[in-house]
Amino acid sequence: MPGAGKSTVGPILARHTHRAFLDCDALLRQRQGRDLQDIVDAQGHLALRALEERLLLDISEREHVIATGGSAVYSEKAMRHLKTLGQVVWLRLGLDELTRRIDNFGQRGLAKRPEQTLADLYEERQPLYRRYADIVVDCDGITPEETVRACLQALAMK
């Protein structure tokens, strides 16, 4: 989900595990030469999903911490591919906390239908995140550093 902390927690986790960090939203912006919102505005949310899927399928790096876009879970093919590269970690946050964190929902470049609210998106994606996650880390009420510790503990158990 947007606001879950992938781009904040990912680099910290990468440092702790001595791995490189890949931010898929940043890679997609670089590849396309424009912001994600520009893609959605010009081509629609499904085009953004397709571009994200292609980017994810092109990733071959192992031993990396990868922050996907929140809509990665719409692609079964991409999620199966990511699982071949390593463990899939879901940074789970409650809707109330996500709502507090996100102040630019309509301008974030999200792969969502125009009429979709954050609550709608949350409801739609939760089962998908649950389906593909190897590890679930509950992030409500904890700092990014505490989230990293929880991720490290969960990864050590796998």
N, C-alpha and C. Protein backbone atom coordinates (compact mmCIF):
# COMPACT_ATOMS: atom_id res chain seq x y z
N MET A 1 0.84 -1.18 0.00
CA MET A 1 0.00 0.00 0.00
C MET A 1 0.89 1.24 0.00
N PRO A 2 0.39 2.30 -0.61
CA PRO A 2 1.13 3.54 -0.51
C PRO A 2 1.21 3.96 0.96
N GLY A 3 2.34 4.47 1.36
CA GLY A 3 2.48 4.94 2.73
C GLY A 3 2.88 3.88 3.74
N ALA A 4 3.06 2.64 3.29
CA ALA A 4 3.41 1.56 4.22
C ALA A 4 4.85 1.66 4.72
N GLY A 5 5.68 2.37 3.98
CA GLY A 5 7.06 2.55 4.42
C GLY A 5 8.10 1.81 3.62
N LYS A 6 7.73 1.29 2.47
CA LYS A 6 8.66 0.50 1.66
C LYS A 6 9.92 1.28 1.30
N SER A 7 9.74 2.53 0.88
CA SER A 7 10.89 3.34 0.46
C SER A 7 11.70 3.88 1.64
N THR A 8 11.13 3.86 2.81
CA THR A 8 11.85 4.28 4.02
C THR A 8 12.55 3.10 4.67
N VAL A 9 11.83 2.01 4.84
CA VAL A 9 12.35 0.82 5.52
C VAL A 9 13.33 0.07 4.63
N GLY A 10 13.08 0.03 3.33
CA GLY A 10 13.91 -0.73 2.41
C GLY A 10 15.39 -0.40 2.47
N PRO A 11 15.77 0.88 2.36
CA PRO A 11 17.20 1.21 2.42
C PRO A 11 17.85 0.86 3.77
N ILE A 12 17.10 1.02 4.84
CA ILE A 12 17.63 0.68 6.17
C ILE A 12 17.85 -0.82 6.26
N LEU A 13 16.87 -1.59 5.80
CA LEU A 13 17.00 -3.04 5.80
C LEU A 13 18.17 -3.49 4.92
N ALA A 14 18.32 -2.84 3.78
CA ALA A 14 19.43 -3.17 2.87
C ALA A 14 20.77 -2.94 3.56
N ARG A 15 20.91 -1.83 4.26
CA ARG A 15 22.16 -1.56 4.98
C ARG A 15 22.44 -2.62 6.04
N HIS A 16 21.40 -2.98 6.79
CA HIS A 16 21.56 -3.98 7.86
C HIS A 16 21.93 -5.36 7.32
N THR A 17 21.50 -5.65 6.11
CA THR A 17 21.75 -6.98 5.53
C THR A 17 22.87 -6.96 4.49
N HIS A 18 23.51 -5.79 4.33
CA HIS A 18 24.62 -5.63 3.38
C HIS A 18 24.19 -6.01 1.96
N ARG A 19 23.02 -5.52 1.58
CA ARG A 19 22.48 -5.77 0.25
C ARG A 19 22.21 -4.45 -0.46
N ALA A 20 22.08 -4.51 -1.75
CA ALA A 20 21.68 -3.33 -2.51
C ALA A 20 20.17 -3.14 -2.39
N PHE A 21 19.73 -1.92 -2.59
CA PHE A 21 18.32 -1.58 -2.51
C PHE A 21 17.82 -1.16 -3.89
N LEU A 22 16.68 -1.71 -4.30
CA LEU A 22 16.03 -1.32 -5.56
C LEU A 22 14.65 -0.75 -5.22
N ASP A 23 14.40 0.47 -5.62
CA ASP A 23 13.09 1.10 -5.45
C ASP A 23 12.41 1.08 -6.81
N CYS A 24 11.42 0.23 -6.97
CA CYS A 24 10.79 0.04 -8.29
C CYS A 24 10.08 1.29 -8.78
N ASP A 25 9.48 2.06 -7.88
CA ASP A 25 8.84 3.31 -8.33
C ASP A 25 9.88 4.25 -8.92
N ALA A 26 11.03 4.37 -8.26
CA ALA A 26 12.10 5.24 -8.78
C ALA A 26 12.64 4.71 -10.11
N LEU A 27 12.81 3.39 -10.20
CA LEU A 27 13.29 2.80 -11.46
C LEU A 27 12.30 3.04 -12.60
N LEU A 28 11.02 2.93 -12.28
CA LEU A 28 9.99 3.14 -13.30
C LEU A 28 9.97 4.60 -13.76
N ARG A 29 10.09 5.51 -12.80
CA ARG A 29 10.16 6.94 -13.17
C ARG A 29 11.36 7.20 -14.07
N GLN A 30 12.49 6.60 -13.72
CA GLN A 30 13.71 6.78 -14.51
C GLN A 30 13.55 6.17 -15.90
N ARG A 31 13.00 4.98 -15.96
CA ARG A 31 12.82 4.29 -17.23
C ARG A 31 11.88 5.05 -18.16
N GLN A 32 10.81 5.60 -17.57
CA GLN A 32 9.79 6.29 -18.37
C GLN A 32 10.10 7.77 -18.59
N GLY A 33 11.00 8.31 -17.79
CA GLY A 33 11.34 9.72 -17.91
C GLY A 33 10.22 10.66 -17.50
N ARG A 34 9.34 10.18 -16.62
CA ARG A 34 8.24 11.01 -16.13
C ARG A 34 7.70 10.43 -14.82
N ASP A 35 6.93 11.24 -14.13
CA ASP A 35 6.34 10.81 -12.86
C ASP A 35 5.25 9.78 -13.09
N LEU A 36 5.01 8.99 -12.07
CA LEU A 36 3.97 7.96 -12.16
C LEU A 36 2.60 8.59 -12.37
N GLN A 37 2.35 9.72 -11.73
CA GLN A 37 1.05 10.38 -11.91
C GLN A 37 0.86 10.82 -13.35
N ASP A 38 1.94 11.23 -14.01
CA ASP A 38 1.86 11.61 -15.43
C ASP A 38 1.45 10.42 -16.29
N ILE A 39 1.96 9.24 -15.94
CA ILE A 39 1.58 8.02 -16.67
C ILE A 39 0.10 7.75 -16.48
N VAL A 40 -0.36 7.81 -15.24
CA VAL A 40 -1.78 7.56 -14.96
C VAL A 40 -2.65 8.59 -15.68
N ASP A 41 -2.25 9.86 -15.61
CA ASP A 41 -3.05 10.91 -16.25
C ASP A 41 -3.12 10.73 -17.77
N ALA A 42 -2.02 10.33 -18.38
CA ALA A 42 -1.97 10.23 -19.84
C ALA A 42 -2.51 8.90 -20.37
N GLN A 43 -2.24 7.81 -19.62
CA GLN A 43 -2.56 6.48 -20.16
C GLN A 43 -3.49 5.65 -19.29
N GLY A 44 -3.71 6.07 -18.08
CA GLY A 44 -4.60 5.33 -17.20
C GLY A 44 -3.87 4.39 -16.26
N HIS A 45 -4.60 3.94 -15.24
CA HIS A 45 -4.00 3.10 -14.19
C HIS A 45 -3.57 1.73 -14.69
N LEU A 46 -4.26 1.20 -15.69
CA LEU A 46 -3.88 -0.11 -16.21
C LEU A 46 -2.54 -0.06 -16.94
N ALA A 47 -2.26 1.06 -17.59
CA ALA A 47 -0.96 1.23 -18.25
C ALA A 47 0.15 1.24 -17.20
N LEU A 48 -0.08 1.91 -16.08
CA LEU A 48 0.92 1.92 -15.01
C LEU A 48 1.15 0.52 -14.48
N ARG A 49 0.08 -0.23 -14.30
CA ARG A 49 0.23 -1.63 -13.85
C ARG A 49 1.05 -2.45 -14.84
N ALA A 50 0.79 -2.28 -16.12
CA ALA A 50 1.52 -3.04 -17.14
C ALA A 50 3.00 -2.67 -17.16
N LEU A 51 3.29 -1.38 -17.02
CA LEU A 51 4.70 -0.94 -16.98
C LEU A 51 5.40 -1.49 -15.74
N GLU A 52 4.69 -1.49 -14.62
CA GLU A 52 5.28 -2.01 -13.39
C GLU A 52 5.53 -3.52 -13.52
N GLU A 53 4.58 -4.23 -14.11
CA GLU A 53 4.76 -5.67 -14.30
C GLU A 53 6.00 -5.95 -15.14
N ARG A 54 6.15 -5.22 -16.25
CA ARG A 54 7.31 -5.42 -17.13
C ARG A 54 8.62 -5.16 -16.38
N LEU A 55 8.65 -4.10 -15.60
CA LEU A 55 9.84 -3.78 -14.82
C LEU A 55 10.15 -4.91 -13.83
N LEU A 56 9.15 -5.39 -13.13
CA LEU A 56 9.37 -6.46 -12.15
C LEU A 56 9.86 -7.74 -12.82
N LEU A 57 9.31 -8.06 -13.97
CA LEU A 57 9.74 -9.27 -14.68
C LEU A 57 11.16 -9.15 -15.22
N ASP A 58 11.63 -7.91 -15.41
CA ASP A 58 12.99 -7.69 -15.88
C ASP A 58 14.03 -7.79 -14.76
N ILE A 59 13.60 -7.75 -13.52
CA ILE A 59 14.54 -7.81 -12.39
C ILE A 59 15.08 -9.23 -12.27
N SER A 60 16.39 -9.34 -12.22
CA SER A 60 17.00 -10.66 -12.06
C SER A 60 17.94 -10.71 -10.86
N GLU A 61 18.11 -9.56 -10.20
CA GLU A 61 19.03 -9.50 -9.08
C GLU A 61 18.52 -10.28 -7.87
N ARG A 62 19.42 -11.09 -7.33
CA ARG A 62 19.15 -11.78 -6.07
C ARG A 62 19.93 -11.03 -4.99
N GLU A 63 19.64 -11.35 -3.76
CA GLU A 63 20.37 -10.72 -2.65
C GLU A 63 20.19 -9.20 -2.66
N HIS A 64 19.02 -8.74 -3.02
CA HIS A 64 18.68 -7.32 -3.01
C HIS A 64 17.44 -7.13 -2.13
N VAL A 65 17.28 -5.95 -1.61
CA VAL A 65 16.02 -5.55 -0.99
C VAL A 65 15.29 -4.74 -2.05
N ILE A 66 14.10 -5.20 -2.41
CA ILE A 66 13.34 -4.59 -3.49
C ILE A 66 12.04 -4.01 -2.93
N ALA A 67 11.84 -2.73 -3.14
CA ALA A 67 10.57 -2.10 -2.79
C ALA A 67 9.75 -1.99 -4.06
N THR A 68 8.71 -2.78 -4.15
CA THR A 68 7.85 -2.74 -5.33
C THR A 68 6.86 -1.60 -5.18
N GLY A 69 6.23 -1.25 -6.28
CA GLY A 69 5.06 -0.39 -6.18
C GLY A 69 3.95 -1.19 -5.52
N GLY A 70 3.04 -0.52 -4.87
CA GLY A 70 1.97 -1.22 -4.15
C GLY A 70 1.06 -2.05 -5.04
N SER A 71 1.06 -1.75 -6.34
CA SER A 71 0.18 -2.49 -7.25
C SER A 71 0.83 -3.73 -7.84
N ALA A 72 2.03 -4.05 -7.42
CA ALA A 72 2.71 -5.26 -7.92
C ALA A 72 1.85 -6.50 -7.73
N VAL A 73 1.07 -6.52 -6.67
CA VAL A 73 0.27 -7.71 -6.35
C VAL A 73 -0.85 -7.97 -7.33
N TYR A 74 -1.12 -7.05 -8.24
CA TYR A 74 -2.13 -7.31 -9.26
C TYR A 74 -1.61 -8.25 -10.34
N SER A 75 -0.30 -8.45 -10.39
CA SER A 75 0.29 -9.32 -11.40
C SER A 75 0.77 -10.63 -10.77
N GLU A 76 0.02 -11.69 -11.01
CA GLU A 76 0.42 -12.99 -10.50
C GLU A 76 1.78 -13.40 -11.07
N LYS A 77 1.99 -13.11 -12.34
CA LYS A 77 3.24 -13.46 -13.00
C LYS A 77 4.43 -12.75 -12.33
N ALA A 78 4.28 -11.47 -12.06
CA ALA A 78 5.36 -10.70 -11.42
C ALA A 78 5.61 -11.19 -9.99
N MET A 79 4.55 -11.49 -9.27
CA MET A 79 4.72 -11.94 -7.89
C MET A 79 5.38 -13.32 -7.85
N ARG A 80 5.01 -14.20 -8.76
CA ARG A 80 5.69 -15.51 -8.83
C ARG A 80 7.17 -15.31 -9.12
N HIS A 81 7.47 -14.39 -10.02
CA HIS A 81 8.87 -14.10 -10.36
C HIS A 81 9.63 -13.57 -9.14
N LEU A 82 9.06 -12.62 -8.42
CA LEU A 82 9.71 -12.08 -7.23
C LEU A 82 9.99 -13.17 -6.21
N LYS A 83 9.07 -14.11 -6.07
CA LYS A 83 9.26 -15.20 -5.11
C LYS A 83 10.44 -16.10 -5.49
N THR A 84 10.79 -16.13 -6.77
CA THR A 84 11.98 -16.91 -7.17
C THR A 84 13.27 -16.20 -6.78
N LEU A 85 13.18 -14.89 -6.52
CA LEU A 85 14.35 -14.09 -6.16
C LEU A 85 14.58 -14.02 -4.66
N GLY A 86 13.55 -14.31 -3.87
CA GLY A 86 13.71 -14.23 -2.42
C GLY A 86 12.37 -14.19 -1.71
N GLN A 87 12.41 -13.84 -0.43
CA GLN A 87 11.21 -13.77 0.40
C GLN A 87 10.44 -12.49 0.09
N VAL A 88 9.12 -12.61 0.05
CA VAL A 88 8.26 -11.45 -0.14
C VAL A 88 7.74 -11.03 1.23
N VAL A 89 8.04 -9.79 1.61
CA VAL A 89 7.65 -9.26 2.92
C VAL A 89 6.56 -8.22 2.72
N TRP A 90 5.49 -8.36 3.46
CA TRP A 90 4.38 -7.41 3.43
C TRP A 90 4.48 -6.53 4.66
N LEU A 91 4.68 -5.24 4.47
CA LEU A 91 4.66 -4.28 5.57
C LEU A 91 3.19 -3.88 5.75
N ARG A 92 2.54 -4.53 6.70
CA ARG A 92 1.10 -4.33 6.87
C ARG A 92 0.82 -3.19 7.85
N LEU A 93 -0.03 -2.29 7.41
CA LEU A 93 -0.49 -1.18 8.23
C LEU A 93 -2.00 -1.14 8.18
N GLY A 94 -2.60 -0.69 9.25
CA GLY A 94 -4.04 -0.50 9.27
C GLY A 94 -4.44 0.71 8.45
N LEU A 95 -5.68 0.73 8.04
CA LEU A 95 -6.19 1.81 7.21
C LEU A 95 -6.09 3.16 7.92
N ASP A 96 -6.34 3.19 9.23
CA ASP A 96 -6.26 4.47 9.96
C ASP A 96 -4.86 5.06 9.88
N GLU A 97 -3.84 4.23 10.07
CA GLU A 97 -2.46 4.72 10.01
C GLU A 97 -2.09 5.14 8.59
N LEU A 98 -2.51 4.38 7.60
CA LEU A 98 -2.25 4.76 6.20
C LEU A 98 -2.89 6.11 5.89
N THR A 99 -4.10 6.30 6.36
CA THR A 99 -4.82 7.55 6.12
C THR A 99 -4.06 8.72 6.75
N ARG A 100 -3.50 8.51 7.93
CA ARG A 100 -2.71 9.57 8.58
C ARG A 100 -1.44 9.89 7.79
N ARG A 101 -0.83 8.87 7.21
CA ARG A 101 0.44 9.06 6.52
C ARG A 101 0.31 9.68 5.13
N ILE A 102 -0.81 9.45 4.47
CA ILE A 102 -0.95 9.86 3.07
C ILE A 102 -1.77 11.14 2.99
N ASP A 103 -1.13 12.20 2.52
CA ASP A 103 -1.85 13.46 2.37
C ASP A 103 -2.02 13.84 0.90
N ASN A 104 -1.45 13.06 0.01
CA ASN A 104 -1.52 13.39 -1.43
C ASN A 104 -2.05 12.21 -2.23
N PHE A 105 -3.06 11.54 -1.72
CA PHE A 105 -3.58 10.31 -2.33
C PHE A 105 -3.92 10.49 -3.81
N GLY A 106 -4.55 11.58 -4.17
CA GLY A 106 -4.96 11.79 -5.55
C GLY A 106 -3.84 12.16 -6.51
N GLN A 107 -2.68 12.49 -5.98
CA GLN A 107 -1.56 12.94 -6.81
C GLN A 107 -0.34 12.03 -6.70
N ARG A 108 -0.47 10.86 -6.14
CA ARG A 108 0.66 9.99 -5.83
C ARG A 108 1.10 9.10 -6.97
N GLY A 109 0.36 9.06 -8.05
CA GLY A 109 0.72 8.17 -9.15
C GLY A 109 0.41 6.73 -8.82
N LEU A 110 -0.78 6.50 -8.33
CA LEU A 110 -1.19 5.15 -7.93
C LEU A 110 -1.94 4.45 -9.05
N ALA A 111 -1.74 3.15 -9.15
CA ALA A 111 -2.46 2.35 -10.13
C ALA A 111 -3.83 2.02 -9.55
N LYS A 112 -4.71 3.01 -9.61
CA LYS A 112 -6.06 2.86 -9.06
C LYS A 112 -7.06 3.48 -10.03
N ARG A 113 -8.29 2.99 -9.95
CA ARG A 113 -9.35 3.58 -10.75
C ARG A 113 -9.61 5.01 -10.26
N PRO A 114 -10.01 5.90 -11.14
CA PRO A 114 -10.19 7.31 -10.74
C PRO A 114 -11.11 7.51 -9.53
N GLU A 115 -12.14 6.69 -9.43
CA GLU A 115 -13.12 6.88 -8.34
C GLU A 115 -12.73 6.17 -7.05
N GLN A 116 -11.67 5.39 -7.07
CA GLN A 116 -11.28 4.60 -5.91
C GLN A 116 -10.75 5.47 -4.78
N THR A 117 -11.25 5.22 -3.59
CA THR A 117 -10.75 5.88 -2.40
C THR A 117 -9.63 5.04 -1.80
N LEU A 118 -8.94 5.59 -0.82
CA LEU A 118 -7.91 4.82 -0.13
C LEU A 118 -8.52 3.59 0.53
N ALA A 119 -9.69 3.76 1.12
CA ALA A 119 -10.37 2.62 1.76
C ALA A 119 -10.71 1.54 0.73
N ASP A 120 -11.17 1.94 -0.44
CA ASP A 120 -11.48 0.97 -1.51
C ASP A 120 -10.22 0.21 -1.92
N LEU A 121 -9.14 0.96 -2.11
CA LEU A 121 -7.87 0.36 -2.53
C LEU A 121 -7.37 -0.62 -1.46
N TYR A 122 -7.46 -0.21 -0.22
CA TYR A 122 -7.04 -1.03 0.91
C TYR A 122 -7.83 -2.35 0.92
N GLU A 123 -9.12 -2.24 0.80
CA GLU A 123 -10.00 -3.42 0.82
C GLU A 123 -9.69 -4.35 -0.35
N GLU A 124 -9.43 -3.80 -1.51
CA GLU A 124 -9.15 -4.59 -2.71
C GLU A 124 -7.80 -5.29 -2.63
N ARG A 125 -6.80 -4.62 -2.08
CA ARG A 125 -5.44 -5.17 -2.09
C ARG A 125 -5.11 -6.11 -0.93
N GLN A 126 -5.78 -5.98 0.19
CA GLN A 126 -5.43 -6.79 1.35
C GLN A 126 -5.37 -8.30 1.04
N PRO A 127 -6.38 -8.86 0.39
CA PRO A 127 -6.31 -10.30 0.09
C PRO A 127 -5.14 -10.66 -0.84
N LEU A 128 -4.78 -9.75 -1.73
CA LEU A 128 -3.66 -10.00 -2.65
C LEU A 128 -2.34 -9.98 -1.89
N TYR A 129 -2.16 -9.00 -1.02
CA TYR A 129 -0.94 -8.96 -0.21
C TYR A 129 -0.83 -10.23 0.63
N ARG A 130 -1.92 -10.61 1.22
CA ARG A 130 -1.95 -11.82 2.07
C ARG A 130 -1.57 -13.05 1.24
N ARG A 131 -2.08 -13.14 0.02
CA ARG A 131 -1.83 -14.29 -0.84
C ARG A 131 -0.34 -14.46 -1.15
N TYR A 132 0.33 -13.36 -1.43
CA TYR A 132 1.71 -13.46 -1.91
C TYR A 132 2.78 -13.31 -0.84
N ALA A 133 2.43 -12.84 0.32
CA ALA A 133 3.44 -12.59 1.36
C ALA A 133 3.98 -13.89 1.95
N ASP A 134 5.31 -13.98 2.00
CA ASP A 134 5.96 -15.06 2.74
C ASP A 134 6.07 -14.67 4.21
N ILE A 135 6.20 -13.38 4.44
CA ILE A 135 6.37 -12.82 5.78
C ILE A 135 5.47 -11.60 5.89
N VAL A 136 4.78 -11.48 7.02
CA VAL A 136 3.95 -10.31 7.29
C VAL A 136 4.51 -9.61 8.51
N VAL A 137 4.80 -8.32 8.37
CA VAL A 137 5.30 -7.53 9.49
C VAL A 137 4.26 -6.45 9.78
N ASP A 138 3.70 -6.50 10.98
CA ASP A 138 2.73 -5.49 11.40
C ASP A 138 3.47 -4.24 11.81
N CYS A 139 3.17 -3.14 11.14
CA CYS A 139 3.93 -1.90 11.31
C CYS A 139 3.17 -0.81 12.06
N ASP A 140 1.96 -1.09 12.46
CA ASP A 140 1.19 -0.08 13.20
C ASP A 140 1.89 0.29 14.49
N GLY A 141 2.09 1.58 14.69
CA GLY A 141 2.62 2.07 15.95
C GLY A 141 4.10 1.84 16.20
N ILE A 142 4.85 1.45 15.16
CA ILE A 142 6.28 1.26 15.36
C ILE A 142 7.07 2.12 14.38
N THR A 143 8.29 2.42 14.75
CA THR A 143 9.16 3.27 13.94
C THR A 143 9.75 2.47 12.77
N PRO A 144 10.33 3.15 11.80
CA PRO A 144 11.01 2.42 10.71
C PRO A 144 12.11 1.50 11.24
N GLU A 145 12.86 1.94 12.23
CA GLU A 145 13.93 1.10 12.79
C GLU A 145 13.35 -0.15 13.46
N GLU A 146 12.23 0.01 14.15
CA GLU A 146 11.56 -1.14 14.77
C GLU A 146 11.00 -2.08 13.69
N THR A 147 10.54 -1.51 12.61
CA THR A 147 10.05 -2.32 11.49
C THR A 147 11.19 -3.14 10.90
N VAL A 148 12.34 -2.52 10.75
CA VAL A 148 13.51 -3.25 10.23
C VAL A 148 13.87 -4.40 11.17
N ARG A 149 13.88 -4.14 12.47
CA ARG A 149 14.18 -5.23 13.43
C ARG A 149 13.17 -6.36 13.31
N ALA A 150 11.90 -6.01 13.15
CA ALA A 150 10.86 -7.04 12.99
C ALA A 150 11.08 -7.83 11.70
N CYS A 151 11.48 -7.14 10.63
CA CYS A 151 11.77 -7.82 9.36
C CYS A 151 12.96 -8.78 9.53
N LEU A 152 14.00 -8.30 10.17
CA LEU A 152 15.20 -9.14 10.38
C LEU A 152 14.86 -10.39 11.20
N GLN A 153 14.06 -10.21 12.24
CA GLN A 153 13.65 -11.36 13.05
C GLN A 153 12.84 -12.35 12.23
N ALA A 154 11.89 -11.84 11.46
CA ALA A 154 11.03 -12.72 10.66
C ALA A 154 11.85 -13.44 9.58
N LEU A 155 12.77 -12.73 8.95
CA LEU A 155 13.60 -13.35 7.91
C LEU A 155 14.50 -14.42 8.50
N ALA A 156 15.00 -14.21 9.71
CA ALA A 156 15.87 -15.20 10.37
C ALA A 156 15.11 -16.48 10.69
N MET A 157 13.79 -16.36 10.88
CA MET A 157 12.98 -17.54 11.19
C MET A 157 12.64 -18.37 9.98
N LYS A 158 12.77 -17.79 8.79
CA LYS A 158 12.41 -18.50 7.54
C LYS A 158 13.56 -19.37 7.06
